Amino acid sequence: MDVILQVILASALVLGLALISLRLLNRAMSGQMAGGNLRVVEAVAVGRKTQVVLVRVAGRHLVLGVSESSVNLLDEIQLDETGEEFVHREGGTGAGTLSNIPGF
């Protein structure tokens, strides 16, 4: 009976630590830090280990290409006042440009 109680307590401790770790990891991965100027707005996987990420940095919206070994600026975009609609403009500021993609 004593062994069963020890197993139950140890399992509860491990489960509690796992839940706390998940909560901390979720907070760290949410893209927002208290008082920070950096926020991940959206991320889309385009391959096994590659993503296109829209980040907001000090009021600017940057589109980044992120791979396992690098981060590249694809473009800087402007959003409307609501922060939801893309405002089209000619040309891009990064190495590549979203204006080459239909719909942008």
PDB file of N, CA and C in Angstrom:
ATOM      1  N   MET A   1       0.817  -1.197   0.000  1.00  0.00           N
ATOM      2  CA  MET A   1       0.000   0.000   0.000  1.00  0.00           C
ATOM      3  C   MET A   1       0.862   1.262   0.000  1.00  0.00           C
ATOM      4  N   ASP A   2       1.984   1.189   0.733  1.00  0.00           N
ATOM      5  CA  ASP A   2       2.894   2.330   0.822  1.00  0.00           C
ATOM      6  C   ASP A   2       3.529   2.631  -0.534  1.00  0.00           C
ATOM      7  N   VAL A   3       3.856   1.608  -1.317  1.00  0.00           N
ATOM      8  CA  VAL A   3       4.473   1.774  -2.629  1.00  0.00           C
ATOM      9  C   VAL A   3       3.479   2.419  -3.595  1.00  0.00           C
ATOM     10  N   ILE A   4       2.237   2.008  -3.524  1.00  0.00           N
ATOM     11  CA  ILE A   4       1.202   2.567  -4.405  1.00  0.00           C
ATOM     12  C   ILE A   4       1.025   4.056  -4.134  1.00  0.00           C
ATOM     13  N   LEU A   5       1.022   4.454  -2.880  1.00  0.00           N
ATOM     14  CA  LEU A   5       0.906   5.865  -2.520  1.00  0.00           C
ATOM     15  C   LEU A   5       2.095   6.670  -3.043  1.00  0.00           C
ATOM     16  N   GLN A   6       3.295   6.127  -2.964  1.00  0.00           N
ATOM     17  CA  GLN A   6       4.481   6.798  -3.478  1.00  0.00           C
ATOM     18  C   GLN A   6       4.403   6.967  -5.002  1.00  0.00           C
ATOM     19  N   VAL A   7       3.920   5.952  -5.700  1.00  0.00           N
ATOM     20  CA  VAL A   7       3.791   6.022  -7.156  1.00  0.00           C
ATOM     21  C   VAL A   7       2.759   7.092  -7.538  1.00  0.00           C
ATOM     22  N   ILE A   8       1.651   7.146  -6.819  1.00  0.00           N
ATOM     23  CA  ILE A   8       0.611   8.140  -7.101  1.00  0.00           C
ATOM     24  C   ILE A   8       1.141   9.546  -6.851  1.00  0.00           C
ATOM     25  N   LEU A   9       1.843   9.764  -5.751  1.00  0.00           N
ATOM     26  CA  LEU A   9       2.399  11.080  -5.447  1.00  0.00           C
ATOM     27  C   LEU A   9       3.466  11.484  -6.459  1.00  0.00           C
ATOM     28  N   ALA A  10       4.329  10.551  -6.838  1.00  0.00           N
ATOM     29  CA  ALA A  10       5.367  10.850  -7.823  1.00  0.00           C
ATOM     30  C   ALA A  10       4.738  11.184  -9.177  1.00  0.00           C
ATOM     31  N   SER A  11       3.706  10.458  -9.565  1.00  0.00           N
ATOM     32  CA  SER A  11       3.019  10.725 -10.830  1.00  0.00           C
ATOM     33  C   SER A  11       2.354  12.099 -10.805  1.00  0.00           C
ATOM     34  N   ALA A  12       1.736  12.446  -9.695  1.00  0.00           N
ATOM     35  CA  ALA A  12       1.108  13.757  -9.569  1.00  0.00           C
ATOM     36  C   ALA A  12       2.145  14.867  -9.645  1.00  0.00           C
ATOM     37  N   LEU A  13       3.301  14.664  -9.047  1.00  0.00           N
ATOM     38  CA  LEU A  13       4.376  15.649  -9.102  1.00  0.00           C
ATOM     39  C   LEU A  13       4.884  15.832 -10.538  1.00  0.00           C
ATOM     40  N   VAL A  14       5.098  14.748 -11.243  1.00  0.00           N
ATOM     41  CA  VAL A  14       5.574  14.814 -12.625  1.00  0.00           C
ATOM     42  C   VAL A  14       4.532  15.498 -13.507  1.00  0.00           C
ATOM     43  N   LEU A  15       3.266  15.159 -13.337  1.00  0.00           N
ATOM     44  CA  LEU A  15       2.194  15.782 -14.116  1.00  0.00           C
ATOM     45  C   LEU A  15       2.113  17.279 -13.829  1.00  0.00           C
ATOM     46  N   GLY A  16       2.242  17.654 -12.572  1.00  0.00           N
ATOM     47  CA  GLY A  16       2.219  19.073 -12.209  1.00  0.00           C
ATOM     48  C   GLY A  16       3.377  19.838 -12.823  1.00  0.00           C
ATOM     49  N   LEU A  17       4.566  19.274 -12.778  1.00  0.00           N
ATOM     50  CA  LEU A  17       5.731  19.920 -13.391  1.00  0.00           C
ATOM     51  C   LEU A  17       5.572  20.026 -14.910  1.00  0.00           C
ATOM     52  N   ALA A  18       4.990  19.011 -15.528  1.00  0.00           N
ATOM     53  CA  ALA A  18       4.759  19.051 -16.977  1.00  0.00           C
ATOM     54  C   ALA A  18       3.780  20.166 -17.337  1.00  0.00           C
ATOM     55  N   LEU A  19       2.718  20.316 -16.555  1.00  0.00           N
ATOM     56  CA  LEU A  19       1.744  21.374 -16.822  1.00  0.00           C
ATOM     57  C   LEU A  19       2.351  22.760 -16.642  1.00  0.00           C
ATOM     58  N   ILE A  20       3.149  22.935 -15.616  1.00  0.00           N
ATOM     59  CA  ILE A  20       3.817  24.217 -15.402  1.00  0.00           C
ATOM     60  C   ILE A  20       4.785  24.512 -16.545  1.00  0.00           C
ATOM     61  N   SER A  21       5.528  23.505 -16.979  1.00  0.00           N
ATOM     62  CA  SER A  21       6.458  23.690 -18.100  1.00  0.00           C
ATOM     63  C   SER A  21       5.718  24.063 -19.376  1.00  0.00           C
ATOM     64  N   LEU A  22       4.606  23.419 -19.647  1.00  0.00           N
ATOM     65  CA  LEU A  22       3.814  23.747 -20.838  1.00  0.00           C
ATOM     66  C   LEU A  22       3.293  25.175 -20.791  1.00  0.00           C
ATOM     67  N   ARG A  23       2.840  25.603 -19.634  1.00  0.00           N
ATOM     68  CA  ARG A  23       2.336  26.967 -19.493  1.00  0.00           C
ATOM     69  C   ARG A  23       3.448  27.990 -19.736  1.00  0.00           C
ATOM     70  N   LEU A  24       4.624  27.746 -19.176  1.00  0.00           N
ATOM     71  CA  LEU A  24       5.758  28.650 -19.385  1.00  0.00           C
ATOM     72  C   LEU A  24       6.205  28.652 -20.842  1.00  0.00           C
ATOM     73  N   LEU A  25       6.227  27.489 -21.462  1.00  0.00           N
ATOM     74  CA  LEU A  25       6.602  27.391 -22.866  1.00  0.00           C
ATOM     75  C   LEU A  25       5.596  28.110 -23.751  1.00  0.00           C
ATOM     76  N   ASN A  26       4.324  27.955 -23.465  1.00  0.00           N
ATOM     77  CA  ASN A  26       3.286  28.643 -24.231  1.00  0.00           C
ATOM     78  C   ASN A  26       3.431  30.157 -24.111  1.00  0.00           C
ATOM     79  N   ARG A  27       3.718  30.633 -22.931  1.00  0.00           N
ATOM     80  CA  ARG A  27       3.911  32.067 -22.725  1.00  0.00           C
ATOM     81  C   ARG A  27       5.130  32.567 -23.504  1.00  0.00           C
ATOM     82  N   ALA A  28       6.210  31.801 -23.490  1.00  0.00           N
ATOM     83  CA  ALA A  28       7.429  32.198 -24.196  1.00  0.00           C
ATOM     84  C   ALA A  28       7.239  32.153 -25.706  1.00  0.00           C
ATOM     85  N   MET A  29       6.441  31.222 -26.208  1.00  0.00           N
ATOM     86  CA  MET A  29       6.250  31.056 -27.645  1.00  0.00           C
ATOM     87  C   MET A  29       5.126  31.926 -28.197  1.00  0.00           C
ATOM     88  N   SER A  30       4.398  32.611 -27.361  1.00  0.00           N
ATOM     89  CA  SER A  30       3.261  33.397 -27.841  1.00  0.00           C
ATOM     90  C   SER A  30       3.698  34.610 -28.641  1.00  0.00           C
ATOM     91  N   GLY A  31       4.962  34.978 -28.572  1.00  0.00           N
ATOM     92  CA  GLY A  31       5.459  36.095 -29.350  1.00  0.00           C
ATOM     93  C   GLY A  31       5.359  37.424 -28.633  1.00  0.00           C
ATOM     94  N   GLN A  32       4.789  37.431 -27.454  1.00  0.00           N
ATOM     95  CA  GLN A  32       4.686  38.681 -26.717  1.00  0.00           C
ATOM     96  C   GLN A  32       5.428  38.548 -25.405  1.00  0.00           C
ATOM     97  N   MET A  33       6.182  39.553 -25.111  1.00  0.00           N
ATOM     98  CA  MET A  33       6.838  39.626 -23.821  1.00  0.00           C
ATOM     99  C   MET A  33       6.348  40.901 -23.153  1.00  0.00           C
ATOM    100  N   ALA A  34       6.186  40.857 -21.875  1.00  0.00           N
ATOM    101  CA  ALA A  34       5.666  42.016 -21.160  1.00  0.00           C
ATOM    102  C   ALA A  34       6.513  43.248 -21.444  1.00  0.00           C
ATOM    103  N   GLY A  35       5.874  44.292 -21.952  1.00  0.00           N
ATOM    104  CA  GLY A  35       6.569  45.531 -22.227  1.00  0.00           C
ATOM    105  C   GLY A  35       7.409  45.503 -23.490  1.00  0.00           C
ATOM    106  N   GLY A  36       7.383  44.390 -24.234  1.00  0.00           N
ATOM    107  CA  GLY A  36       8.201  44.266 -25.431  1.00  0.00           C
ATOM    108  C   GLY A  36       7.559  44.922 -26.638  1.00  0.00           C
ATOM    109  N   ASN A  37       8.357  45.172 -27.648  1.00  0.00           N
ATOM    110  CA  ASN A  37       7.892  45.775 -28.884  1.00  0.00           C
ATOM    111  C   ASN A  37       7.815  44.770 -30.013  1.00  0.00           C
ATOM    112  N   LEU A  38       7.955  43.491 -29.730  1.00  0.00           N
ATOM    113  CA  LEU A  38       7.965  42.456 -30.750  1.00  0.00           C
ATOM    114  C   LEU A  38       6.778  41.524 -30.537  1.00  0.00           C
ATOM    115  N   ARG A  39       6.038  41.275 -31.652  1.00  0.00           N
ATOM    116  CA  ARG A  39       4.899  40.362 -31.564  1.00  0.00           C
ATOM    117  C   ARG A  39       4.801  39.575 -32.850  1.00  0.00           C
ATOM    118  N   VAL A  40       4.674  38.259 -32.737  1.00  0.00           N
ATOM    119  CA  VAL A  40       4.425  37.417 -33.897  1.00  0.00           C
ATOM    120  C   VAL A  40       2.930  37.498 -34.186  1.00  0.00           C
ATOM    121  N   VAL A  41       2.585  38.062 -35.341  1.00  0.00           N
ATOM    122  CA  VAL A  41       1.181  38.229 -35.714  1.00  0.00           C
ATOM    123  C   VAL A  41       0.637  36.934 -36.281  1.00  0.00           C
ATOM    124  N   GLU A  42       1.410  36.308 -37.162  1.00  0.00           N
ATOM    125  CA  GLU A  42       0.963  35.078 -37.802  1.00  0.00           C
ATOM    126  C   GLU A  42       2.175  34.329 -38.332  1.00  0.00           C
ATOM    127  N   ALA A  43       2.084  33.020 -38.344  1.00  0.00           N
ATOM    128  CA  ALA A  43       3.151  32.184 -38.905  1.00  0.00           C
ATOM    129  C   ALA A  43       2.503  31.058 -39.693  1.00  0.00           C
ATOM    130  N   VAL A  44       3.047  30.797 -40.879  1.00  0.00           N
ATOM    131  CA  VAL A  44       2.517  29.750 -41.746  1.00  0.00           C
ATOM    132  C   VAL A  44       3.667  28.860 -42.196  1.00  0.00           C
ATOM    133  N   ALA A  45       3.517  27.562 -41.979  1.00  0.00           N
ATOM    134  CA  ALA A  45       4.538  26.622 -42.437  1.00  0.00           C
ATOM    135  C   ALA A  45       4.419  26.472 -43.950  1.00  0.00           C
ATOM    136  N   VAL A  46       5.549  26.574 -44.635  1.00  0.00           N
ATOM    137  CA  VAL A  46       5.566  26.400 -46.086  1.00  0.00           C
ATOM    138  C   VAL A  46       6.425  25.204 -46.486  1.00  0.00           C
ATOM    139  N   GLY A  47       6.952  24.521 -45.526  1.00  0.00           N
ATOM    140  CA  GLY A  47       7.764  23.330 -45.741  1.00  0.00           C
ATOM    141  C   GLY A  47       7.976  22.630 -44.421  1.00  0.00           C
ATOM    142  N   ARG A  48       8.765  21.559 -44.449  1.00  0.00           N
ATOM    143  CA  ARG A  48       8.994  20.811 -43.209  1.00  0.00           C
ATOM    144  C   ARG A  48       9.637  21.667 -42.132  1.00  0.00           C
ATOM    145  N   LYS A  49      10.606  22.484 -42.518  1.00  0.00           N
ATOM    146  CA  LYS A  49      11.334  23.274 -41.528  1.00  0.00           C
ATOM    147  C   LYS A  49      11.413  24.740 -41.934  1.00  0.00           C
ATOM    148  N   THR A  50      10.424  25.209 -42.689  1.00  0.00           N
ATOM    149  CA  THR A  50      10.417  26.604 -43.134  1.00  0.00           C
ATOM    150  C   THR A  50       9.063  27.237 -42.874  1.00  0.00           C
ATOM    151  N   GLN A  51       9.093  28.523 -42.559  1.00  0.00           N
ATOM    152  CA  GLN A  51       7.879  29.276 -42.277  1.00  0.00           C
ATOM    153  C   GLN A  51       7.971  30.664 -42.882  1.00  0.00           C
ATOM    154  N   VAL A  52       6.810  31.229 -43.166  1.00  0.00           N
ATOM    155  CA  VAL A  52       6.700  32.645 -43.449  1.00  0.00           C
ATOM    156  C   VAL A  52       6.038  33.233 -42.217  1.00  0.00           C
ATOM    157  N   VAL A  53       6.674  34.249 -41.627  1.00  0.00           N
ATOM    158  CA  VAL A  53       6.215  34.799 -40.357  1.00  0.00           C
ATOM    159  C   VAL A  53       5.980  36.296 -40.512  1.00  0.00           C
ATOM    160  N   LEU A  54       4.833  36.755 -40.053  1.00  0.00           N
ATOM    161  CA  LEU A  54       4.523  38.177 -40.012  1.00  0.00           C
ATOM    162  C   LEU A  54       4.738  38.639 -38.582  1.00  0.00           C
ATOM    163  N   VAL A  55       5.674  39.576 -38.383  1.00  0.00           N
ATOM    164  CA  VAL A  55       5.960  40.091 -37.052  1.00  0.00           C
ATOM    165  C   VAL A  55       5.707  41.595 -37.019  1.00  0.00           C
ATOM    166  N   ARG A  56       5.339  42.083 -35.861  1.00  0.00           N
ATOM    167  CA  ARG A  56       5.160  43.519 -35.648  1.00  0.00           C
ATOM    168  C   ARG A  56       6.263  43.965 -34.711  1.00  0.00           C
ATOM    169  N   VAL A  57       7.082  44.888 -35.195  1.00  0.00           N
ATOM    170  CA  VAL A  57       8.206  45.396 -34.420  1.00  0.00           C
ATOM    171  C   VAL A  57       8.097  46.913 -34.383  1.00  0.00           C
ATOM    172  N   ALA A  58       7.859  47.461 -33.218  1.00  0.00           N
ATOM    173  CA  ALA A  58       7.792  48.911 -33.031  1.00  0.00           C
ATOM    174  C   ALA A  58       6.900  49.573 -34.080  1.00  0.00           C
ATOM    175  N   GLY A  59       5.729  49.000 -34.327  1.00  0.00           N
ATOM    176  CA  GLY A  59       4.770  49.591 -35.253  1.00  0.00           C
ATOM    177  C   GLY A  59       4.964  49.214 -36.708  1.00  0.00           C
ATOM    178  N   ARG A  60       6.032  48.510 -37.034  1.00  0.00           N
ATOM    179  CA  ARG A  60       6.294  48.073 -38.412  1.00  0.00           C
ATOM    180  C   ARG A  60       5.902  46.604 -38.551  1.00  0.00           C
ATOM    181  N   HIS A  61       5.405  46.229 -39.715  1.00  0.00           N
ATOM    182  CA  HIS A  61       5.040  44.841 -39.999  1.00  0.00           C
ATOM    183  C   HIS A  61       6.039  44.264 -40.991  1.00  0.00           C
ATOM    184  N   LEU A  62       6.778  43.261 -40.555  1.00  0.00           N
ATOM    185  CA  LEU A  62       7.805  42.641 -41.383  1.00  0.00           C
ATOM    186  C   LEU A  62       7.396  41.216 -41.726  1.00  0.00           C
ATOM    187  N   VAL A  63       7.602  40.836 -42.986  1.00  0.00           N
ATOM    188  CA  VAL A  63       7.368  39.473 -43.424  1.00  0.00           C
ATOM    189  C   VAL A  63       8.734  38.806 -43.504  1.00  0.00           C
ATOM    190  N   LEU A  64       8.900  37.734 -42.727  1.00  0.00           N
ATOM    191  CA  LEU A  64      10.184  37.053 -42.632  1.00  0.00           C
ATOM    192  C   LEU A  64      10.084  35.633 -43.169  1.00  0.00           C
ATOM    193  N   GLY A  65      11.107  35.199 -43.850  1.00  0.00           N
ATOM    194  CA  GLY A  65      11.252  33.800 -44.213  1.00  0.00           C
ATOM    195  C   GLY A  65      12.167  33.163 -43.186  1.00  0.00           C
ATOM    196  N   VAL A  66      11.679  32.126 -42.529  1.00  0.00           N
ATOM    197  CA  VAL A  66      12.422  31.511 -41.435  1.00  0.00           C
ATOM    198  C   VAL A  66      12.682  30.048 -41.772  1.00  0.00           C
ATOM    199  N   SER A  67      13.942  29.666 -41.742  1.00  0.00           N
ATOM    200  CA  SER A  67      14.313  28.265 -41.944  1.00  0.00           C
ATOM    201  C   SER A  67      15.126  27.809 -40.741  1.00  0.00           C
ATOM    202  N   GLU A  68      15.564  26.589 -40.810  1.00  0.00           N
ATOM    203  CA  GLU A  68      16.337  26.032 -39.708  1.00  0.00           C
ATOM    204  C   GLU A  68      17.647  26.790 -39.490  1.00  0.00           C
ATOM    205  N   SER A  69      18.202  27.349 -40.565  1.00  0.00           N
ATOM    206  CA  SER A  69      19.513  27.974 -40.449  1.00  0.00           C
ATOM    207  C   SER A  69      19.531  29.477 -40.686  1.00  0.00           C
ATOM    208  N   SER A  70      18.386  30.085 -41.067  1.00  0.00           N
ATOM    209  CA  SER A  70      18.428  31.522 -41.340  1.00  0.00           C
ATOM    210  C   SER A  70      17.067  32.179 -41.182  1.00  0.00           C
ATOM    211  N   VAL A  71      17.120  33.496 -41.074  1.00  0.00           N
ATOM    212  CA  VAL A  71      15.932  34.347 -41.075  1.00  0.00           C
ATOM    213  C   VAL A  71      16.188  35.439 -42.105  1.00  0.00           C
ATOM    214  N   ASN A  72      15.275  35.575 -43.072  1.00  0.00           N
ATOM    215  CA  ASN A  72      15.444  36.554 -44.137  1.00  0.00           C
ATOM    216  C   ASN A  72      14.259  37.504 -44.185  1.00  0.00           C
ATOM    217  N   LEU A  73      14.539  38.783 -44.382  1.00  0.00           N
ATOM    218  CA  LEU A  73      13.488  39.771 -44.572  1.00  0.00           C
ATOM    219  C   LEU A  73      12.951  39.627 -45.990  1.00  0.00           C
ATOM    220  N   LEU A  74      11.670  39.281 -46.112  1.00  0.00           N
ATOM    221  CA  LEU A  74      11.048  39.162 -47.427  1.00  0.00           C
ATOM    222  C   LEU A  74      10.446  40.488 -47.863  1.00  0.00           C
ATOM    223  N   ASP A  75       9.804  41.179 -46.930  1.00  0.00           N
ATOM    224  CA  ASP A  75       9.168  42.444 -47.270  1.00  0.00           C
ATOM    225  C   ASP A  75       8.725  43.139 -45.990  1.00  0.00           C
ATOM    226  N   GLU A  76       8.453  44.414 -46.116  1.00  0.00           N
ATOM    227  CA  GLU A  76       7.800  45.175 -45.063  1.00  0.00           C
ATOM    228  C   GLU A  76       6.470  45.592 -45.646  1.00  0.00           C
ATOM    229  N   ILE A  77       5.387  45.317 -44.923  1.00  0.00           N
ATOM    230  CA  ILE A  77       4.063  45.627 -45.454  1.00  0.00           C
ATOM    231  C   ILE A  77       3.377  46.661 -44.589  1.00  0.00           C
ATOM    232  N   GLN A  78       2.359  47.271 -45.154  1.00  0.00           N
ATOM    233  CA  GLN A  78       1.542  48.225 -44.418  1.00  0.00           C
ATOM    234  C   GLN A  78       0.155  47.632 -44.261  1.00  0.00           C
ATOM    235  N   LEU A  79      -0.371  47.718 -43.050  1.00  0.00           N
ATOM    236  CA  LEU A  79      -1.730  47.266 -42.788  1.00  0.00           C
ATOM    237  C   LEU A  79      -2.610  48.483 -42.584  1.00  0.00           C
ATOM    238  N   ASP A  80      -3.916  48.323 -42.829  1.00  0.00           N
ATOM    239  CA  ASP A  80      -4.825  49.442 -42.626  1.00  0.00           C
ATOM    240  C   ASP A  80      -4.960  49.756 -41.139  1.00  0.00           C
ATOM    241  N   GLU A  81      -5.816  50.705 -40.816  1.00  0.00           N
ATOM    242  CA  GLU A  81      -5.956  51.170 -39.428  1.00  0.00           C
ATOM    243  C   GLU A  81      -6.378  50.055 -38.476  1.00  0.00           C
ATOM    244  N   THR A  82      -7.137  49.073 -38.987  1.00  0.00           N
ATOM    245  CA  THR A  82      -7.586  47.988 -38.124  1.00  0.00           C
ATOM    246  C   THR A  82      -6.478  46.976 -37.869  1.00  0.00           C
ATOM    247  N   GLY A  83      -5.428  47.038 -38.697  1.00  0.00           N
ATOM    248  CA  GLY A  83      -4.340  46.084 -38.555  1.00  0.00           C
ATOM    249  C   GLY A  83      -4.649  44.747 -39.172  1.00  0.00           C
ATOM    250  N   GLU A  84      -5.718  44.655 -39.968  1.00  0.00           N
ATOM    251  CA  GLU A  84      -6.130  43.374 -40.527  1.00  0.00           C
ATOM    252  C   GLU A  84      -6.012  43.292 -42.035  1.00  0.00           C
ATOM    253  N   GLU A  85      -6.129  44.405 -42.741  1.00  0.00           N
ATOM    254  CA  GLU A  85      -6.121  44.384 -44.201  1.00  0.00           C
ATOM    255  C   GLU A  85      -4.809  44.899 -44.746  1.00  0.00           C
ATOM    256  N   PHE A  86      -4.267  44.190 -45.715  1.00  0.00           N
ATOM    257  CA  PHE A  86      -3.023  44.559 -46.370  1.00  0.00           C
ATOM    258  C   PHE A  86      -3.265  45.750 -47.297  1.00  0.00           C
ATOM    259  N   VAL A  87      -2.413  46.752 -47.221  1.00  0.00           N
ATOM    260  CA  VAL A  87      -2.477  47.911 -48.107  1.00  0.00           C
ATOM    261  C   VAL A  87      -1.456  47.690 -49.201  1.00  0.00           C
ATOM    262  N   HIS A  88      -1.915  47.545 -50.453  1.00  0.00           N
ATOM    263  CA  HIS A  88      -1.013  47.245 -51.570  1.00  0.00           C
ATOM    264  C   HIS A  88      -0.136  48.446 -51.891  1.00  0.00           C
ATOM    265  N   ARG A  89       1.104  48.158 -52.200  1.00  0.00           N
ATOM    266  CA  ARG A  89       2.011  49.191 -52.668  1.00  0.00           C
ATOM    267  C   ARG A  89       2.962  48.537 -53.656  1.00  0.00           C
ATOM    268  N   GLU A  90       3.502  49.300 -54.537  1.00  0.00           N
ATOM    269  CA  GLU A  90       4.428  48.776 -55.545  1.00  0.00           C
ATOM    270  C   GLU A  90       5.807  48.606 -54.946  1.00  0.00           C
ATOM    271  N   GLY A  91       6.488  47.533 -55.335  1.00  0.00           N
ATOM    272  CA  GLY A  91       7.865  47.317 -54.892  1.00  0.00           C
ATOM    273  C   GLY A  91       7.930  46.772 -53.484  1.00  0.00           C
ATOM    274  N   GLY A  92       9.090  46.330 -53.104  1.00  0.00           N
ATOM    275  CA  GLY A  92       9.298  45.790 -51.771  1.00  0.00           C
ATOM    276  C   GLY A  92      10.592  46.309 -51.204  1.00  0.00           C
ATOM    277  N   THR A  93      10.777  46.072 -49.921  1.00  0.00           N
ATOM    278  CA  THR A  93      11.987  46.564 -49.277  1.00  0.00           C
ATOM    279  C   THR A  93      12.980  45.462 -48.986  1.00  0.00           C
ATOM    280  N   GLY A  94      12.533  44.209 -49.038  1.00  0.00           N
ATOM    281  CA  GLY A  94      13.424  43.109 -48.693  1.00  0.00           C
ATOM    282  C   GLY A  94      14.121  42.539 -49.906  1.00  0.00           C
ATOM    283  N   ALA A  95      14.831  41.422 -49.679  1.00  0.00           N
ATOM    284  CA  ALA A  95      15.555  40.771 -50.767  1.00  0.00           C
ATOM    285  C   ALA A  95      14.576  40.262 -51.814  1.00  0.00           C
ATOM    286  N   GLY A  96      13.432  39.764 -51.377  1.00  0.00           N
ATOM    287  CA  GLY A  96      12.360  39.363 -52.277  1.00  0.00           C
ATOM    288  C   GLY A  96      11.222  40.334 -52.090  1.00  0.00           C
ATOM    289  N   THR A  97      10.196  40.232 -52.893  1.00  0.00           N
ATOM    290  CA  THR A  97       9.088  41.153 -52.718  1.00  0.00           C
ATOM    291  C   THR A  97       7.761  40.427 -52.867  1.00  0.00           C
ATOM    292  N   LEU A  98       6.824  40.737 -52.001  1.00  0.00           N
ATOM    293  CA  LEU A  98       5.507  40.117 -52.058  1.00  0.00           C
ATOM    294  C   LEU A  98       4.690  40.657 -53.227  1.00  0.00           C
ATOM    295  N   SER A  99       5.096  41.772 -53.812  1.00  0.00           N
ATOM    296  CA  SER A  99       4.325  42.334 -54.917  1.00  0.00           C
ATOM    297  C   SER A  99       4.400  41.439 -56.154  1.00  0.00           C
ATOM    298  N   ASN A 100       5.327  40.486 -56.192  1.00  0.00           N
ATOM    299  CA  ASN A 100       5.403  39.528 -57.295  1.00  0.00           C
ATOM    300  C   ASN A 100       4.378  38.416 -57.163  1.00  0.00           C
ATOM    301  N   ILE A 101       3.757  38.289 -56.014  1.00  0.00           N
ATOM    302  CA  ILE A 101       2.798  37.231 -55.765  1.00  0.00           C
ATOM    303  C   ILE A 101       1.396  37.749 -56.062  1.00  0.00           C
ATOM    304  N   PRO A 102       0.609  37.023 -56.875  1.00  0.00           N
ATOM    305  CA  PRO A 102      -0.755  37.468 -57.172  1.00  0.00           C
ATOM    306  C   PRO A 102      -1.544  37.663 -55.880  1.00  0.00           C
ATOM    307  N   GLY A 103      -2.281  38.738 -55.789  1.00  0.00           N
ATOM    308  CA  GLY A 103      -3.064  39.031 -54.585  1.00  0.00           C
ATOM    309  C   GLY A 103      -2.361  39.975 -53.642  1.00  0.00           C
ATOM    310  N   PHE A 104      -1.091  40.235 -53.879  1.00  0.00           N
ATOM    311  CA  PHE A 104      -0.351  41.169 -53.058  1.00  0.00           C
ATOM    312  C   PHE A 104      -0.028  42.360 -53.913  1.00  0.00           C
TER     313      PHE A 104
END
